[in-house]
Amino acid sequence: MILVIFDMDGTLIDTQALITEHMAMTFHGLGLEVPSPETSRRVIGLSLPEAMAQLSETDDDVLIGALVEAYRAHYRAGLITDGSREGPFPGALEAVQRLNERDDVLLGIATGNGLAGVHRILALHGVANYFSTLQTPDHNPSKPHPSMVKTAMRETGVGPERTIMIGDTTFDIEMGVAAGCKTIGVTWGYHEPRELIAAGASAMIDRYDQLDGALRQLVEQTHA
């Protein structure tokens, strides 16, 4: 059995505009310097408290908490007015469907999103029943700590030699490397491909129709 774990934002789901917009609204609303879209995209993938701490350059728990709550309020309000801004990247749902149909693959999620948001997004796209394990900061440390991947492996009974983490940020790659598994970096997300390679990505893909081949090669390397 192979365990294939996906990140969400920047890997499966394109939320860059939504996230950077609400980051700007959050910081402006609290009278703080607004981070640029480029700065905001650098923290996508971290848990929300960790992302806010980095963007605000503070360890003030009260301020971080206020930023987190304000951001969540803006995000919820945005979904009420326009719930179509969490669309999948081209080929993402088809790739997940192909893997779900295989009897030698289990699927997982490891994301900086909260668990409630993960359930909502997966249900929105009709893939809620495809995933055997969902790992979020609700019960794990933020990426790049390896806890999410290790917990996913423990829940599914799949070892690191048969586990592959797929993501678009160095946080994803570093998390997978720290957990001892193979990693695939995607080039359409929020960190540069060269950064993913430097972080230790086992393979890189430019499109989802390349995923099956990349997975096959990594599995063959394990058996070699």
Protein backbone atom coordinates (compact mmCIF):
# COMPACT_ATOMS: atom_id res chain seq x y z
CA MET A 1 0.00 0.00 0.00
CA ILE A 2 1.16 3.53 -0.82
CA LEU A 3 0.13 6.60 1.17
CA VAL A 4 -0.07 9.77 -0.94
CA ILE A 5 -0.48 12.93 1.13
CA PHE A 6 -1.51 16.23 -0.44
CA ASP A 7 -1.13 19.75 0.83
CA MET A 8 -4.20 21.87 0.04
CA ASP A 9 -3.59 25.62 -0.56
CA GLY A 10 -1.27 26.05 -3.52
CA THR A 11 -1.26 22.33 -4.31
CA LEU A 12 -4.85 21.17 -4.74
CA ILE A 13 -6.76 24.42 -4.26
CA ASP A 14 -5.98 27.87 -5.68
CA THR A 15 -6.66 30.31 -2.84
CA GLN A 16 -3.78 32.74 -3.30
CA ALA A 17 -5.89 35.79 -4.19
CA LEU A 18 -8.38 35.06 -1.44
CA ILE A 19 -5.73 34.60 1.24
CA THR A 20 -3.60 37.62 0.34
CA GLU A 21 -6.68 39.84 0.10
CA HIS A 22 -7.90 38.85 3.53
CA MET A 23 -4.43 39.18 5.02
CA ALA A 24 -4.37 42.78 3.79
CA MET A 25 -7.83 43.48 5.21
CA THR A 26 -6.83 41.95 8.55
CA PHE A 27 -3.68 44.00 9.02
CA HIS A 28 -5.31 47.20 7.77
CA GLY A 29 -8.24 46.72 10.13
CA LEU A 30 -5.91 46.51 13.13
CA GLY A 31 -3.91 49.55 12.06
CA LEU A 32 -0.81 47.56 11.14
CA GLU A 33 1.42 47.75 8.10
CA VAL A 34 -0.20 45.70 5.36
CA PRO A 35 1.98 42.85 4.05
CA SER A 36 2.47 42.73 0.30
CA PRO A 37 0.87 39.85 -1.61
CA GLU A 38 4.37 38.44 -2.16
CA THR A 39 5.06 38.48 1.58
CA SER A 40 1.70 36.92 2.41
CA ARG A 41 2.14 34.09 -0.06
CA ARG A 42 5.44 33.15 1.63
CA VAL A 43 3.58 32.06 4.79
CA ILE A 44 0.75 30.15 3.10
CA GLY A 45 0.95 26.60 4.39
CA LEU A 46 1.86 27.47 7.96
CA SER A 47 -0.71 27.29 10.72
CA LEU A 48 -2.59 30.57 10.99
CA PRO A 49 -1.01 31.62 14.32
CA GLU A 50 2.48 30.87 12.98
CA ALA A 51 1.74 32.76 9.76
CA MET A 52 0.50 35.80 11.70
CA ALA A 53 3.51 35.74 13.99
CA GLN A 54 5.84 35.79 11.01
CA LEU A 55 3.95 38.50 9.13
CA SER A 56 3.64 40.76 12.18
CA GLU A 57 7.18 39.96 13.35
CA THR A 58 5.99 39.61 16.93
CA ASP A 59 5.68 37.03 19.68
CA ASP A 60 2.85 38.97 21.35
CA ASP A 61 0.23 36.26 21.84
CA VAL A 62 -2.56 38.81 22.31
CA LEU A 63 -1.81 40.53 19.00
CA ILE A 64 -1.37 37.22 17.20
CA GLY A 65 -4.71 36.04 18.57
CA ALA A 66 -6.42 39.23 17.42
CA LEU A 67 -4.95 38.84 13.94
CA VAL A 68 -6.06 35.21 13.75
CA GLU A 69 -9.64 36.01 14.77
CA ALA A 70 -9.88 39.00 12.43
CA TYR A 71 -8.56 36.96 9.52
CA ARG A 72 -11.02 34.15 10.17
CA ALA A 73 -13.88 36.64 10.28
CA HIS A 74 -12.86 38.18 6.95
CA TYR A 75 -12.44 34.75 5.38
CA ARG A 76 -15.87 33.55 6.54
CA ALA A 77 -17.50 36.76 5.33
CA GLY A 78 -15.79 36.42 1.96
CA LEU A 79 -17.11 32.92 1.47
CA ILE A 80 -20.65 34.11 2.17
CA THR A 81 -20.43 36.77 -0.55
CA ASP A 82 -18.44 34.64 -3.02
CA GLY A 83 -18.04 30.94 -2.32
CA SER A 84 -16.44 30.19 -5.70
CA ARG A 85 -12.92 31.39 -4.85
CA GLU A 86 -11.55 28.06 -3.60
CA GLY A 87 -11.30 26.31 -6.94
CA PRO A 88 -9.01 23.39 -7.73
CA PHE A 89 -5.91 23.76 -9.86
CA PRO A 90 -6.22 22.29 -13.38
CA GLY A 91 -6.21 18.52 -13.26
CA ALA A 92 -6.22 18.30 -9.47
CA LEU A 93 -9.59 16.63 -8.98
CA GLU A 94 -8.98 14.26 -11.88
CA ALA A 95 -5.64 13.22 -10.37
CA VAL A 96 -7.22 12.59 -6.99
CA GLN A 97 -10.00 10.60 -8.67
CA ARG A 98 -7.47 8.38 -10.49
CA LEU A 99 -5.56 7.68 -7.29
CA ASN A 100 -8.76 7.01 -5.36
CA GLU A 101 -9.69 4.31 -7.86
CA ARG A 102 -6.45 2.41 -7.26
CA ASP A 103 -6.55 -0.41 -4.73
CA ASP A 104 -2.89 0.07 -3.79
CA VAL A 105 -3.18 3.74 -2.75
CA LEU A 106 -4.46 5.53 0.33
CA LEU A 107 -4.91 9.30 0.24
CA GLY A 108 -4.27 11.88 2.93
CA ILE A 109 -4.28 15.63 3.53
CA ALA A 110 -1.69 17.60 5.50
CA THR A 111 -2.50 21.31 5.55
CA GLY A 112 -2.23 24.52 7.52
CA ASN A 113 -6.01 24.90 7.24
CA GLY A 114 -8.25 24.12 10.17
CA LEU A 115 -10.10 20.81 10.13
CA ALA A 116 -13.53 22.41 9.68
CA GLY A 117 -12.28 24.23 6.59
CA VAL A 118 -10.77 21.03 5.20
CA HIS A 119 -14.07 19.19 5.55
CA ARG A 120 -15.92 22.07 3.89
CA ILE A 121 -13.56 22.34 0.91
CA LEU A 122 -13.39 18.60 0.28
CA ALA A 123 -17.19 18.39 0.41
CA LEU A 124 -17.47 21.42 -1.91
CA HIS A 125 -15.51 19.54 -4.57
CA GLY A 126 -17.10 16.14 -4.01
CA VAL A 127 -14.00 14.36 -2.75
CA ALA A 128 -14.72 14.18 0.99
CA ASN A 129 -14.80 10.38 0.98
CA TYR A 130 -11.52 9.92 -0.88
CA PHE A 131 -9.16 10.64 2.00
CA SER A 132 -8.24 8.15 4.72
CA THR A 133 -6.45 10.66 6.96
CA LEU A 134 -6.80 14.43 7.45
CA GLN A 135 -4.02 16.21 9.31
CA THR A 136 -4.28 19.87 10.36
CA PRO A 137 -2.87 22.20 13.05
CA ASP A 138 -5.92 21.42 15.19
CA HIS A 139 -4.03 18.44 16.62
CA ASN A 140 -0.50 18.88 15.24
CA PRO A 141 2.31 21.45 15.34
CA SER A 142 2.61 23.72 12.31
CA LYS A 143 4.62 22.68 9.28
CA PRO A 144 7.48 22.00 8.76
CA HIS A 145 7.31 19.89 11.94
CA PRO A 146 6.86 16.26 10.77
CA SER A 147 3.94 15.49 13.09
CA MET A 148 1.23 15.68 10.40
CA VAL A 149 2.96 13.15 8.15
CA LYS A 150 3.93 10.88 11.03
CA THR A 151 0.37 10.91 12.37
CA ALA A 152 -0.99 10.14 8.88
CA MET A 153 1.38 7.19 8.59
CA ARG A 154 0.41 5.94 12.01
CA GLU A 155 -3.32 6.21 11.25
CA THR A 156 -3.02 4.34 7.95
CA GLY A 157 -0.35 1.85 8.97
CA VAL A 158 1.91 2.84 6.05
CA GLY A 159 5.64 3.29 6.67
CA PRO A 160 7.78 6.21 5.46
CA GLU A 161 9.31 4.14 2.68
CA ARG A 162 5.83 3.87 1.11
CA THR A 163 4.66 7.42 1.85
CA ILE A 164 4.88 10.38 -0.53
CA MET A 165 4.17 14.00 0.44
CA ILE A 166 3.05 16.39 -2.32
CA GLY A 167 3.24 20.14 -1.82
CA ASP A 168 4.07 23.55 -3.22
CA THR A 169 6.10 25.09 -0.37
CA THR A 170 9.37 24.40 1.38
CA PHE A 171 7.27 23.76 4.50
CA ASP A 172 5.69 20.74 2.79
CA ILE A 173 8.98 19.38 1.49
CA GLU A 174 10.83 19.91 4.77
CA MET A 175 7.98 18.24 6.66
CA GLY A 176 8.11 15.19 4.41
CA VAL A 177 11.89 14.96 4.56
CA ALA A 178 11.81 15.22 8.36
CA ALA A 179 9.26 12.40 8.47
CA GLY A 180 11.54 10.21 6.35
CA CYS A 181 9.32 9.93 3.28
CA LYS A 182 9.63 10.82 -0.39
CA THR A 183 8.36 14.21 -1.57
CA ILE A 184 7.01 15.72 -4.79
CA GLY A 185 7.13 19.46 -5.35
CA VAL A 186 4.63 21.19 -7.63
CA THR A 187 5.71 24.24 -9.62
CA TRP A 188 2.36 26.09 -9.75
CA GLY A 189 2.15 27.02 -6.06
CA TYR A 190 3.48 29.63 -3.67
CA HIS A 191 7.22 28.92 -3.40
CA GLU A 192 9.73 28.84 -6.24
CA PRO A 193 10.67 25.45 -7.77
CA ARG A 194 14.36 26.05 -6.99
CA GLU A 195 13.43 26.43 -3.32
CA LEU A 196 11.57 23.12 -3.29
CA ILE A 197 14.53 21.38 -4.90
CA ALA A 198 16.89 22.93 -2.34
CA ALA A 199 14.56 21.78 0.44
CA GLY A 200 15.00 18.18 -0.72
CA ALA A 201 12.13 17.42 -3.11
CA SER A 202 12.51 13.89 -4.47
CA ALA A 203 10.74 14.88 -7.71
CA MET A 204 9.09 17.89 -9.35
CA ILE A 205 6.01 18.15 -11.56
CA ASP A 206 4.69 21.02 -13.70
CA ARG A 207 1.22 19.60 -14.33
CA TYR A 208 -1.08 17.08 -12.69
CA ASP A 209 -0.90 14.74 -15.68
CA GLN A 210 2.72 14.15 -14.67
CA LEU A 211 1.82 12.96 -11.17
CA ASP A 212 1.19 9.29 -11.93
CA GLY A 213 4.56 8.92 -13.61
CA ALA A 214 6.36 10.69 -10.76
CA LEU A 215 4.69 8.45 -8.20
CA ARG A 216 5.58 5.35 -10.20
CA GLN A 217 9.24 6.36 -10.41
CA LEU A 218 9.47 7.03 -6.67
CA VAL A 219 7.86 3.68 -5.84
CA GLU A 220 10.26 1.90 -8.22
CA GLN A 221 13.21 3.62 -6.52
CA THR A 222 12.00 2.26 -3.21
CA HIS A 223 11.99 -1.28 -4.58
CA ALA A 224 15.30 -0.93 -6.39
